[in-house]
Amino acid sequence: MEMAEDVLISCVEIYFAENKFFPMPRTVKKGEELVFLSDSLYAEVLLHNRMLRNAMSKTEAEQTTSIK
């Protein structure tokens, strides 16, 4: 399962680099296992998706979230 976490983190990095919307979690199907993101990485995913959805620059995101 540790490898699955590493692969998921790599996927997140690729989506970020390619400025693509990262898919949100879905309901787990029978026989599947959950792979968790750290809270900080999940927050980055949420911010990244929000920036893409609203066509925001990093500067605009900083201004609306008080992140520096």
PDB file of N, CA and C in Angstrom:
ATOM      1  N   MET A   1       0.823  -1.195   0.000  1.00  0.00           N
ATOM      2  CA  MET A   1       0.000   0.000   0.000  1.00  0.00           C
ATOM      3  C   MET A   1       0.871   1.265   0.000  1.00  0.00           C
ATOM      4  N   GLU A   2       2.061   1.153   0.545  1.00  0.00           N
ATOM      5  CA  GLU A   2       2.963   2.304   0.574  1.00  0.00           C
ATOM      6  C   GLU A   2       3.279   2.796  -0.838  1.00  0.00           C
ATOM      7  N   MET A   3       3.439   1.868  -1.768  1.00  0.00           N
ATOM      8  CA  MET A   3       3.712   2.261  -3.150  1.00  0.00           C
ATOM      9  C   MET A   3       2.533   3.012  -3.758  1.00  0.00           C
ATOM     10  N   ALA A   4       1.333   2.623  -3.388  1.00  0.00           N
ATOM     11  CA  ALA A   4       0.141   3.293  -3.918  1.00  0.00           C
ATOM     12  C   ALA A   4       0.132   4.761  -3.502  1.00  0.00           C
ATOM     13  N   GLU A   5       0.543   5.042  -2.277  1.00  0.00           N
ATOM     14  CA  GLU A   5       0.618   6.429  -1.819  1.00  0.00           C
ATOM     15  C   GLU A   5       1.644   7.214  -2.626  1.00  0.00           C
ATOM     16  N   ASP A   6       2.784   6.600  -2.892  1.00  0.00           N
ATOM     17  CA  ASP A   6       3.824   7.261  -3.690  1.00  0.00           C
ATOM     18  C   ASP A   6       3.337   7.539  -5.113  1.00  0.00           C
ATOM     19  N   VAL A   7       2.643   6.581  -5.693  1.00  0.00           N
ATOM     20  CA  VAL A   7       2.109   6.754  -7.055  1.00  0.00           C
ATOM     21  C   VAL A   7       1.079   7.872  -7.069  1.00  0.00           C
ATOM     22  N   LEU A   8       0.209   7.921  -6.056  1.00  0.00           N
ATOM     23  CA  LEU A   8      -0.801   8.974  -5.994  1.00  0.00           C
ATOM     24  C   LEU A   8      -0.142  10.350  -5.875  1.00  0.00           C
ATOM     25  N   ILE A   9       0.875  10.460  -5.059  1.00  0.00           N
ATOM     26  CA  ILE A   9       1.598  11.734  -4.916  1.00  0.00           C
ATOM     27  C   ILE A   9       2.237  12.129  -6.251  1.00  0.00           C
ATOM     28  N   SER A  10       2.805  11.170  -6.955  1.00  0.00           N
ATOM     29  CA  SER A  10       3.391  11.452  -8.270  1.00  0.00           C
ATOM     30  C   SER A  10       2.328  11.935  -9.250  1.00  0.00           C
ATOM     31  N   CYS A  11       1.147  11.324  -9.191  1.00  0.00           N
ATOM     32  CA  CYS A  11       0.047  11.750 -10.060  1.00  0.00           C
ATOM     33  C   CYS A  11      -0.362  13.181  -9.761  1.00  0.00           C
ATOM     34  N   VAL A  12      -0.432  13.527  -8.483  1.00  0.00           N
ATOM     35  CA  VAL A  12      -0.777  14.896  -8.093  1.00  0.00           C
ATOM     36  C   VAL A  12       0.239  15.872  -8.688  1.00  0.00           C
ATOM     37  N   GLU A  13       1.512  15.540  -8.572  1.00  0.00           N
ATOM     38  CA  GLU A  13       2.565  16.408  -9.104  1.00  0.00           C
ATOM     39  C   GLU A  13       2.433  16.589 -10.615  1.00  0.00           C
ATOM     40  N   ILE A  14       2.085  15.521 -11.315  1.00  0.00           N
ATOM     41  CA  ILE A  14       1.920  15.599 -12.768  1.00  0.00           C
ATOM     42  C   ILE A  14       0.731  16.493 -13.126  1.00  0.00           C
ATOM     43  N   TYR A  15      -0.392  16.303 -12.422  1.00  0.00           N
ATOM     44  CA  TYR A  15      -1.560  17.151 -12.683  1.00  0.00           C
ATOM     45  C   TYR A  15      -1.227  18.623 -12.436  1.00  0.00           C
ATOM     46  N   PHE A  16      -0.493  18.899 -11.372  1.00  0.00           N
ATOM     47  CA  PHE A  16      -0.102  20.279 -11.074  1.00  0.00           C
ATOM     48  C   PHE A  16       0.776  20.833 -12.190  1.00  0.00           C
ATOM     49  N   ALA A  17       1.781  20.068 -12.611  1.00  0.00           N
ATOM     50  CA  ALA A  17       2.719  20.522 -13.636  1.00  0.00           C
ATOM     51  C   ALA A  17       2.020  20.786 -14.969  1.00  0.00           C
ATOM     52  N   GLU A  18       0.986  19.992 -15.250  1.00  0.00           N
ATOM     53  CA  GLU A  18       0.263  20.139 -16.515  1.00  0.00           C
ATOM     54  C   GLU A  18      -0.974  21.028 -16.392  1.00  0.00           C
ATOM     55  N   ASN A  19      -1.129  21.672 -15.238  1.00  0.00           N
ATOM     56  CA  ASN A  19      -2.283  22.546 -14.977  1.00  0.00           C
ATOM     57  C   ASN A  19      -3.610  21.871 -15.299  1.00  0.00           C
ATOM     58  N   LYS A  20      -3.759  20.649 -14.809  1.00  0.00           N
ATOM     59  CA  LYS A  20      -4.993  19.897 -15.007  1.00  0.00           C
ATOM     60  C   LYS A  20      -5.756  19.800 -13.695  1.00  0.00           C
ATOM     61  N   PHE A  21      -7.077  19.738 -13.802  1.00  0.00           N
ATOM     62  CA  PHE A  21      -7.943  19.559 -12.649  1.00  0.00           C
ATOM     63  C   PHE A  21      -7.721  18.168 -12.074  1.00  0.00           C
ATOM     64  N   PHE A  22      -7.422  18.072 -10.776  1.00  0.00           N
ATOM     65  CA  PHE A  22      -7.202  16.781 -10.148  1.00  0.00           C
ATOM     66  C   PHE A  22      -8.548  16.219  -9.697  1.00  0.00           C
ATOM     67  N   PRO A  23      -8.876  14.970 -10.065  1.00  0.00           N
ATOM     68  CA  PRO A  23     -10.176  14.421  -9.712  1.00  0.00           C
ATOM     69  C   PRO A  23     -10.355  14.275  -8.199  1.00  0.00           C
ATOM     70  N   MET A  24     -11.577  14.521  -7.758  1.00  0.00           N
ATOM     71  CA  MET A  24     -11.908  14.386  -6.342  1.00  0.00           C
ATOM     72  C   MET A  24     -12.199  12.918  -6.027  1.00  0.00           C
ATOM     73  N   PRO A  25     -12.093  12.557  -4.755  1.00  0.00           N
ATOM     74  CA  PRO A  25     -12.321  11.153  -4.375  1.00  0.00           C
ATOM     75  C   PRO A  25     -13.746  10.706  -4.729  1.00  0.00           C
ATOM     76  N   ARG A  26     -13.872   9.440  -4.970  1.00  0.00           N
ATOM     77  CA  ARG A  26     -15.186   8.857  -5.245  1.00  0.00           C
ATOM     78  C   ARG A  26     -15.460   7.775  -4.201  1.00  0.00           C
ATOM     79  N   THR A  27     -16.660   7.265  -4.215  1.00  0.00           N
ATOM     80  CA  THR A  27     -17.025   6.202  -3.289  1.00  0.00           C
ATOM     81  C   THR A  27     -16.212   4.952  -3.609  1.00  0.00           C
ATOM     82  N   VAL A  28     -15.723   4.313  -2.566  1.00  0.00           N
ATOM     83  CA  VAL A  28     -14.917   3.103  -2.739  1.00  0.00           C
ATOM     84  C   VAL A  28     -15.829   1.935  -3.086  1.00  0.00           C
ATOM     85  N   LYS A  29     -15.415   1.180  -4.084  1.00  0.00           N
ATOM     86  CA  LYS A  29     -16.181   0.006  -4.495  1.00  0.00           C
ATOM     87  C   LYS A  29     -15.706  -1.217  -3.719  1.00  0.00           C
ATOM     88  N   LYS A  30     -16.541  -2.220  -3.679  1.00  0.00           N
ATOM     89  CA  LYS A  30     -16.216  -3.457  -2.979  1.00  0.00           C
ATOM     90  C   LYS A  30     -14.914  -4.037  -3.527  1.00  0.00           C
ATOM     91  N   GLY A  31     -14.019  -4.395  -2.627  1.00  0.00           N
ATOM     92  CA  GLY A  31     -12.736  -4.980  -3.012  1.00  0.00           C
ATOM     93  C   GLY A  31     -11.632  -3.960  -3.209  1.00  0.00           C
ATOM     94  N   GLU A  32     -11.956  -2.674  -3.256  1.00  0.00           N
ATOM     95  CA  GLU A  32     -10.946  -1.627  -3.404  1.00  0.00           C
ATOM     96  C   GLU A  32     -10.453  -1.182  -2.029  1.00  0.00           C
ATOM     97  N   GLU A  33      -9.280  -0.611  -2.003  1.00  0.00           N
ATOM     98  CA  GLU A  33      -8.730  -0.053  -0.776  1.00  0.00           C
ATOM     99  C   GLU A  33      -8.527   1.447  -0.953  1.00  0.00           C
ATOM    100  N   LEU A  34      -8.655   2.169   0.142  1.00  0.00           N
ATOM    101  CA  LEU A  34      -8.443   3.617   0.120  1.00  0.00           C
ATOM    102  C   LEU A  34      -6.958   3.943   0.126  1.00  0.00           C
ATOM    103  N   VAL A  35      -6.606   4.996  -0.572  1.00  0.00           N
ATOM    104  CA  VAL A  35      -5.256   5.552  -0.517  1.00  0.00           C
ATOM    105  C   VAL A  35      -5.422   6.990  -0.064  1.00  0.00           C
ATOM    106  N   PHE A  36      -4.755   7.337   1.018  1.00  0.00           N
ATOM    107  CA  PHE A  36      -4.943   8.650   1.619  1.00  0.00           C
ATOM    108  C   PHE A  36      -3.854   9.627   1.204  1.00  0.00           C
ATOM    109  N   LEU A  37      -4.252  10.894   1.094  1.00  0.00           N
ATOM    110  CA  LEU A  37      -3.310  12.000   0.942  1.00  0.00           C
ATOM    111  C   LEU A  37      -3.163  12.664   2.302  1.00  0.00           C
ATOM    112  N   SER A  38      -2.005  13.232   2.551  1.00  0.00           N
ATOM    113  CA  SER A  38      -1.837  14.007   3.783  1.00  0.00           C
ATOM    114  C   SER A  38      -2.770  15.210   3.731  1.00  0.00           C
ATOM    115  N   ASP A  39      -3.103  15.740   4.886  1.00  0.00           N
ATOM    116  CA  ASP A  39      -3.987  16.912   4.928  1.00  0.00           C
ATOM    117  C   ASP A  39      -3.414  18.079   4.141  1.00  0.00           C
ATOM    118  N   SER A  40      -2.100  18.278   4.256  1.00  0.00           N
ATOM    119  CA  SER A  40      -1.486  19.416   3.563  1.00  0.00           C
ATOM    120  C   SER A  40      -1.530  19.241   2.040  1.00  0.00           C
ATOM    121  N   LEU A  41      -1.312  18.011   1.562  1.00  0.00           N
ATOM    122  CA  LEU A  41      -1.369  17.786   0.117  1.00  0.00           C
ATOM    123  C   LEU A  41      -2.811  17.883  -0.377  1.00  0.00           C
ATOM    124  N   TYR A  42      -3.755  17.393   0.409  1.00  0.00           N
ATOM    125  CA  TYR A  42      -5.173  17.504   0.024  1.00  0.00           C
ATOM    126  C   TYR A  42      -5.571  18.981  -0.072  1.00  0.00           C
ATOM    127  N   ALA A  43      -5.075  19.802   0.864  1.00  0.00           N
ATOM    128  CA  ALA A  43      -5.360  21.238   0.810  1.00  0.00           C
ATOM    129  C   ALA A  43      -4.775  21.859  -0.455  1.00  0.00           C
ATOM    130  N   GLU A  44      -3.576  21.421  -0.843  1.00  0.00           N
ATOM    131  CA  GLU A  44      -2.968  21.922  -2.082  1.00  0.00           C
ATOM    132  C   GLU A  44      -3.810  21.537  -3.300  1.00  0.00           C
ATOM    133  N   VAL A  45      -4.329  20.304  -3.298  1.00  0.00           N
ATOM    134  CA  VAL A  45      -5.173  19.846  -4.399  1.00  0.00           C
ATOM    135  C   VAL A  45      -6.428  20.711  -4.483  1.00  0.00           C
ATOM    136  N   LEU A  46      -7.067  20.959  -3.335  1.00  0.00           N
ATOM    137  CA  LEU A  46      -8.268  21.786  -3.322  1.00  0.00           C
ATOM    138  C   LEU A  46      -7.981  23.195  -3.847  1.00  0.00           C
ATOM    139  N   LEU A  47      -6.863  23.775  -3.407  1.00  0.00           N
ATOM    140  CA  LEU A  47      -6.489  25.110  -3.859  1.00  0.00           C
ATOM    141  C   LEU A  47      -6.176  25.113  -5.354  1.00  0.00           C
ATOM    142  N   HIS A  48      -5.430  24.114  -5.794  1.00  0.00           N
ATOM    143  CA  HIS A  48      -5.083  23.998  -7.217  1.00  0.00           C
ATOM    144  C   HIS A  48      -6.344  23.924  -8.077  1.00  0.00           C
ATOM    145  N   ASN A  49      -7.281  23.062  -7.681  1.00  0.00           N
ATOM    146  CA  ASN A  49      -8.525  22.925  -8.444  1.00  0.00           C
ATOM    147  C   ASN A  49      -9.329  24.214  -8.433  1.00  0.00           C
ATOM    148  N   ARG A  50      -9.351  24.889  -7.300  1.00  0.00           N
ATOM    149  CA  ARG A  50     -10.077  26.164  -7.210  1.00  0.00           C
ATOM    150  C   ARG A  50      -9.454  27.208  -8.136  1.00  0.00           C
ATOM    151  N   MET A  51      -8.125  27.252  -8.146  1.00  0.00           N
ATOM    152  CA  MET A  51      -7.439  28.201  -9.022  1.00  0.00           C
ATOM    153  C   MET A  51      -7.777  27.934 -10.487  1.00  0.00           C
ATOM    154  N   LEU A  52      -7.794  26.662 -10.886  1.00  0.00           N
ATOM    155  CA  LEU A  52      -8.122  26.325 -12.274  1.00  0.00           C
ATOM    156  C   LEU A  52      -9.580  26.637 -12.583  1.00  0.00           C
ATOM    157  N   ARG A  53     -10.466  26.265 -11.668  1.00  0.00           N
ATOM    158  CA  ARG A  53     -11.903  26.481 -11.895  1.00  0.00           C
ATOM    159  C   ARG A  53     -12.220  27.967 -12.039  1.00  0.00           C
ATOM    160  N   ASN A  54     -11.542  28.803 -11.256  1.00  0.00           N
ATOM    161  CA  ASN A  54     -11.809  30.243 -11.264  1.00  0.00           C
ATOM    162  C   ASN A  54     -10.817  31.036 -12.103  1.00  0.00           C
ATOM    163  N   ALA A  55      -9.944  30.335 -12.824  1.00  0.00           N
ATOM    164  CA  ALA A  55      -8.911  30.975 -13.647  1.00  0.00           C
ATOM    165  C   ALA A  55      -8.133  32.013 -12.840  1.00  0.00           C
ATOM    166  N   MET A  56      -7.668  31.596 -11.676  1.00  0.00           N
ATOM    167  CA  MET A  56      -6.935  32.486 -10.766  1.00  0.00           C
ATOM    168  C   MET A  56      -5.433  32.285 -10.916  1.00  0.00           C
ATOM    169  N   SER A  57      -4.699  33.365 -10.759  1.00  0.00           N
ATOM    170  CA  SER A  57      -3.249  33.268 -10.702  1.00  0.00           C
ATOM    171  C   SER A  57      -2.849  32.941  -9.265  1.00  0.00           C
ATOM    172  N   LYS A  58      -1.583  32.598  -9.065  1.00  0.00           N
ATOM    173  CA  LYS A  58      -1.110  32.336  -7.700  1.00  0.00           C
ATOM    174  C   LYS A  58      -1.255  33.580  -6.833  1.00  0.00           C
ATOM    175  N   THR A  59      -1.005  34.731  -7.419  1.00  0.00           N
ATOM    176  CA  THR A  59      -1.140  35.989  -6.680  1.00  0.00           C
ATOM    177  C   THR A  59      -2.579  36.203  -6.229  1.00  0.00           C
ATOM    178  N   GLU A  60      -3.521  35.970  -7.116  1.00  0.00           N
ATOM    179  CA  GLU A  60      -4.935  36.129  -6.758  1.00  0.00           C
ATOM    180  C   GLU A  60      -5.337  35.130  -5.671  1.00  0.00           C
ATOM    181  N   ALA A  61      -4.826  33.912  -5.762  1.00  0.00           N
ATOM    182  CA  ALA A  61      -5.136  32.898  -4.745  1.00  0.00           C
ATOM    183  C   ALA A  61      -4.565  33.321  -3.393  1.00  0.00           C
ATOM    184  N   GLU A  62      -3.350  33.868  -3.396  1.00  0.00           N
ATOM    185  CA  GLU A  62      -2.750  34.360  -2.151  1.00  0.00           C
ATOM    186  C   GLU A  62      -3.601  35.436  -1.518  1.00  0.00           C
ATOM    187  N   GLN A  63      -4.120  36.321  -2.347  1.00  0.00           N
ATOM    188  CA  GLN A  63      -4.934  37.430  -1.832  1.00  0.00           C
ATOM    189  C   GLN A  63      -6.247  36.956  -1.239  1.00  0.00           C
ATOM    190  N   THR A  64      -6.833  35.911  -1.810  1.00  0.00           N
ATOM    191  CA  THR A  64      -8.129  35.432  -1.312  1.00  0.00           C
ATOM    192  C   THR A  64      -8.004  34.454  -0.149  1.00  0.00           C
ATOM    193  N   THR A  65      -6.827  33.863   0.027  1.00  0.00           N
ATOM    194  CA  THR A  65      -6.671  32.860   1.078  1.00  0.00           C
ATOM    195  C   THR A  65      -5.691  33.274   2.160  1.00  0.00           C
ATOM    196  N   SER A  66      -5.044  34.384   2.002  1.00  0.00           N
ATOM    197  CA  SER A  66      -3.998  34.890   2.899  1.00  0.00           C
ATOM    198  C   SER A  66      -2.818  33.922   3.018  1.00  0.00           C
ATOM    199  N   ILE A  67      -2.574  33.130   1.957  1.00  0.00           N
ATOM    200  CA  ILE A  67      -1.406  32.254   1.905  1.00  0.00           C
ATOM    201  C   ILE A  67      -0.269  33.001   1.261  1.00  0.00           C
ATOM    202  N   LYS A  68       0.904  32.909   1.838  1.00  0.00           N
ATOM    203  CA  LYS A  68       2.086  33.578   1.279  1.00  0.00           C
ATOM    204  C   LYS A  68       3.102  32.571   0.847  1.00  0.00           C
TER     205      LYS A  68
END
